[in-house]
C-alpha atoms as a PDB file:
ATOM      1  CA  GLN A   1      44.805 -78.790 -22.427  1.00  0.00           C
ATOM      2  CA  VAL A   2      43.875 -75.504 -24.031  1.00  0.00           C
ATOM      3  CA  GLN A   3      43.652 -75.262 -27.798  1.00  0.00           C
ATOM      4  CA  LEU A   4      43.676 -72.039 -29.787  1.00  0.00           C
ATOM      5  CA  VAL A   5      41.922 -71.828 -33.166  1.00  0.00           C
ATOM      6  CA  GLU A   6      42.313 -68.835 -35.453  1.00  0.00           C
ATOM      7  CA  SER A   7      39.728 -67.784 -38.025  1.00  0.00           C
ATOM      8  CA  GLY A   8      38.843 -64.771 -40.183  1.00  0.00           C
ATOM      9  CA  GLY A   9      41.654 -64.841 -42.676  1.00  0.00           C
ATOM     10  CA  GLY A  10      41.177 -64.529 -46.388  1.00  0.00           C
ATOM     11  CA  LEU A  11      41.827 -62.473 -49.460  1.00  0.00           C
ATOM     12  CA  VAL A  12      41.326 -58.715 -49.203  1.00  0.00           C
ATOM     13  CA  GLN A  13      42.211 -55.763 -51.443  1.00  0.00           C
ATOM     14  CA  PRO A  14      44.726 -53.135 -50.314  1.00  0.00           C
ATOM     15  CA  GLY A  15      43.042 -50.647 -48.027  1.00  0.00           C
ATOM     16  CA  GLY A  16      40.529 -53.230 -46.869  1.00  0.00           C
ATOM     17  CA  SER A  17      39.819 -54.642 -43.433  1.00  0.00           C
ATOM     18  CA  LEU A  18      39.654 -58.032 -41.752  1.00  0.00           C
ATOM     19  CA  ARG A  19      38.999 -59.177 -38.218  1.00  0.00           C
ATOM     20  CA  LEU A  20      40.841 -62.237 -36.985  1.00  0.00           C
ATOM     21  CA  SER A  21      39.498 -64.279 -34.086  1.00  0.00           C
ATOM     22  CA  CYS A  22      41.332 -66.658 -31.754  1.00  0.00           C
ATOM     23  CA  ALA A  23      38.971 -68.994 -29.936  1.00  0.00           C
ATOM     24  CA  ALA A  24      40.207 -70.956 -26.985  1.00  0.00           C
ATOM     25  CA  SER A  25      38.815 -74.355 -26.017  1.00  0.00           C
ATOM     26  CA  GLY A  26      39.273 -73.370 -22.413  1.00  0.00           C
ATOM     27  CA  THR A  27      39.112 -70.144 -20.537  1.00  0.00           C
ATOM     28  CA  ILE A  28      41.495 -67.459 -21.811  1.00  0.00           C
ATOM     29  CA  SER A  29      41.375 -65.686 -18.472  1.00  0.00           C
ATOM     30  CA  ARG A  30      44.229 -68.019 -17.519  1.00  0.00           C
ATOM     31  CA  PHE A  31      46.445 -66.316 -20.077  1.00  0.00           C
ATOM     32  CA  SER A  32      48.465 -63.444 -18.665  1.00  0.00           C
ATOM     33  CA  THR A  33      49.251 -62.418 -22.203  1.00  0.00           C
ATOM     34  CA  MET A  34      47.697 -63.129 -25.592  1.00  0.00           C
ATOM     35  CA  GLY A  35      49.312 -62.155 -28.837  1.00  0.00           C
ATOM     36  CA  TRP A  36      49.168 -62.210 -32.586  1.00  0.00           C
ATOM     37  CA  TYR A  37      52.219 -63.046 -34.646  1.00  0.00           C
ATOM     38  CA  ARG A  38      52.696 -63.419 -38.383  1.00  0.00           C
ATOM     39  CA  GLN A  39      55.030 -65.168 -40.761  1.00  0.00           C
ATOM     40  CA  ALA A  40      55.376 -64.114 -44.357  1.00  0.00           C
ATOM     41  CA  PRO A  41      56.852 -66.455 -46.991  1.00  0.00           C
ATOM     42  CA  GLY A  42      60.601 -66.710 -46.586  1.00  0.00           C
ATOM     43  CA  LYS A  43      60.617 -64.626 -43.414  1.00  0.00           C
ATOM     44  CA  GLU A  44      60.787 -65.333 -39.710  1.00  0.00           C
ATOM     45  CA  ARG A  45      57.752 -65.162 -37.464  1.00  0.00           C
ATOM     46  CA  GLU A  46      57.304 -61.720 -36.007  1.00  0.00           C
ATOM     47  CA  LEU A  47      55.264 -60.064 -33.319  1.00  0.00           C
ATOM     48  CA  VAL A  48      52.213 -58.134 -34.457  1.00  0.00           C
ATOM     49  CA  ALA A  49      50.505 -57.243 -31.164  1.00  0.00           C
ATOM     50  CA  ILE A  50      50.050 -58.449 -27.606  1.00  0.00           C
ATOM     51  CA  ILE A  51      47.560 -57.741 -24.859  1.00  0.00           C
ATOM     52  CA  THR A  52      47.901 -58.477 -21.170  1.00  0.00           C
ATOM     53  CA  SER A  53      45.189 -59.535 -18.757  1.00  0.00           C
ATOM     54  CA  SER A  54      44.968 -55.937 -17.587  1.00  0.00           C
ATOM     55  CA  GLY A  55      44.478 -54.658 -21.125  1.00  0.00           C
ATOM     56  CA  TYR A  56      47.936 -53.271 -21.728  1.00  0.00           C
ATOM     57  CA  THR A  57      48.816 -53.486 -25.417  1.00  0.00           C
ATOM     58  CA  VAL A  58      51.974 -53.442 -27.478  1.00  0.00           C
ATOM     59  CA  TYR A  59      52.124 -53.165 -31.262  1.00  0.00           C
ATOM     60  CA  ALA A  60      54.760 -53.610 -33.900  1.00  0.00           C
ATOM     61  CA  ASP A  61      55.675 -50.265 -35.467  1.00  0.00           C
ATOM     62  CA  SER A  62      54.526 -51.524 -38.824  1.00  0.00           C
ATOM     63  CA  VAL A  63      50.895 -51.952 -37.655  1.00  0.00           C
ATOM     64  CA  LYS A  64      50.495 -49.101 -35.178  1.00  0.00           C
ATOM     65  CA  GLY A  65      47.426 -47.043 -35.951  1.00  0.00           C
ATOM     66  CA  ARG A  66      46.013 -49.706 -38.303  1.00  0.00           C
ATOM     67  CA  PHE A  67      45.604 -52.855 -36.151  1.00  0.00           C
ATOM     68  CA  THR A  68      43.812 -53.231 -32.800  1.00  0.00           C
ATOM     69  CA  ILE A  69      44.126 -56.237 -30.490  1.00  0.00           C
ATOM     70  CA  SER A  70      41.429 -57.069 -27.961  1.00  0.00           C
ATOM     71  CA  ARG A  71      40.242 -59.938 -25.811  1.00  0.00           C
ATOM     72  CA  ASP A  72      36.864 -60.979 -24.494  1.00  0.00           C
ATOM     73  CA  ASN A  73      37.370 -63.273 -21.529  1.00  0.00           C
ATOM     74  CA  ALA A  74      33.643 -64.031 -21.320  1.00  0.00           C
ATOM     75  CA  LYS A  75      33.746 -65.438 -24.865  1.00  0.00           C
ATOM     76  CA  ASN A  76      37.202 -67.000 -24.500  1.00  0.00           C
ATOM     77  CA  THR A  77      38.249 -65.170 -27.645  1.00  0.00           C
ATOM     78  CA  ALA A  78      40.913 -62.729 -28.671  1.00  0.00           C
ATOM     79  CA  TYR A  79      40.665 -60.537 -31.739  1.00  0.00           C
ATOM     80  CA  LEU A  80      42.841 -58.634 -34.177  1.00  0.00           C
ATOM     81  CA  GLN A  81      41.066 -55.885 -36.105  1.00  0.00           C
ATOM     82  CA  MET A  82      43.099 -55.038 -39.163  1.00  0.00           C
ATOM     83  CA  ASN A  83      42.357 -51.878 -41.130  1.00  0.00           C
ATOM     84  CA  SER A  84      44.079 -50.166 -44.054  1.00  0.00           C
ATOM     85  CA  LEU A  85      45.692 -53.438 -45.052  1.00  0.00           C
ATOM     86  CA  LYS A  86      48.770 -53.392 -47.243  1.00  0.00           C
ATOM     87  CA  PRO A  87      50.303 -56.088 -49.486  1.00  0.00           C
ATOM     88  CA  GLU A  88      53.177 -56.376 -46.992  1.00  0.00           C
ATOM     89  CA  ASP A  89      50.652 -57.536 -44.341  1.00  0.00           C
ATOM     90  CA  THR A  90      50.268 -60.773 -46.313  1.00  0.00           C
ATOM     91  CA  ALA A  91      51.244 -63.625 -44.003  1.00  0.00           C
ATOM     92  CA  VAL A  92      49.991 -66.524 -41.917  1.00  0.00           C
ATOM     93  CA  TYR A  93      48.743 -65.026 -38.647  1.00  0.00           C
ATOM     94  CA  TYR A  94      49.144 -67.031 -35.454  1.00  0.00           C
ATOM     95  CA  CYS A  95      47.560 -66.625 -32.057  1.00  0.00           C
ATOM     96  CA  LYS A  96      49.667 -67.213 -28.943  1.00  0.00           C
ATOM     97  CA  GLY A  97      48.630 -67.564 -25.338  1.00  0.00           C
ATOM     98  CA  VAL A  98      51.024 -67.333 -22.364  1.00  0.00           C
ATOM     99  CA  ILE A  99      49.982 -68.340 -18.882  1.00  0.00           C
ATOM    100  CA  THR A 100      53.252 -67.568 -17.140  1.00  0.00           C
ATOM    101  CA  THR A 101      56.837 -67.142 -18.228  1.00  0.00           C
ATOM    102  CA  MET A 102      57.545 -70.455 -16.540  1.00  0.00           C
ATOM    103  CA  THR A 103      55.196 -72.460 -18.757  1.00  0.00           C
ATOM    104  CA  SER A 104      55.266 -73.275 -22.414  1.00  0.00           C
ATOM    105  CA  PRO A 105      53.129 -70.991 -24.583  1.00  0.00           C
ATOM    106  CA  TYR A 106      50.088 -72.200 -26.540  1.00  0.00           C
ATOM    107  CA  TRP A 107      49.967 -71.589 -30.293  1.00  0.00           C
ATOM    108  CA  GLY A 108      47.203 -71.868 -32.830  1.00  0.00           C
ATOM    109  CA  LYS A 109      47.777 -73.349 -36.267  1.00  0.00           C
ATOM    110  CA  GLY A 110      47.391 -70.045 -38.085  1.00  0.00           C
ATOM    111  CA  THR A 111      45.112 -68.340 -40.574  1.00  0.00           C
ATOM    112  CA  LEU A 112      46.262 -66.977 -43.938  1.00  0.00           C
ATOM    113  CA  VAL A 113      45.774 -63.328 -44.789  1.00  0.00           C
ATOM    114  CA  THR A 114      46.427 -62.289 -48.354  1.00  0.00           C
ATOM    115  CA  VAL A 115      46.308 -58.620 -49.360  1.00  0.00           C
ATOM    116  CA  SER A 116      46.255 -58.267 -53.081  1.00  0.00           C
ATOM    117  CA  SER A 117      44.388 -56.523 -55.884  1.00  0.00           C
END
């Protein structure tokens, strides 16, 4: 059973940067797709970015040019580099791993990012 654990969240001022990490207890090379999602208070969970095993990436329009998703299969870790953070980026950020579309995805428990002066 693979477990995903997020880290790197915290309080940052507008315009600042954070890097989130998603460490897997097993090998992440099994995951065809890994992604970051976020849920702000009172809102539904939304896609932030995904990356496939071949390195293809997709970003939400709201984070394009500011966030970068990556994965290091050797370290069993996925990352989300977040730059030029805005107050509206405040949310709990979740890591998701998908092996195939026929299997249930794996989710981490989330890490809180707060952007405030």
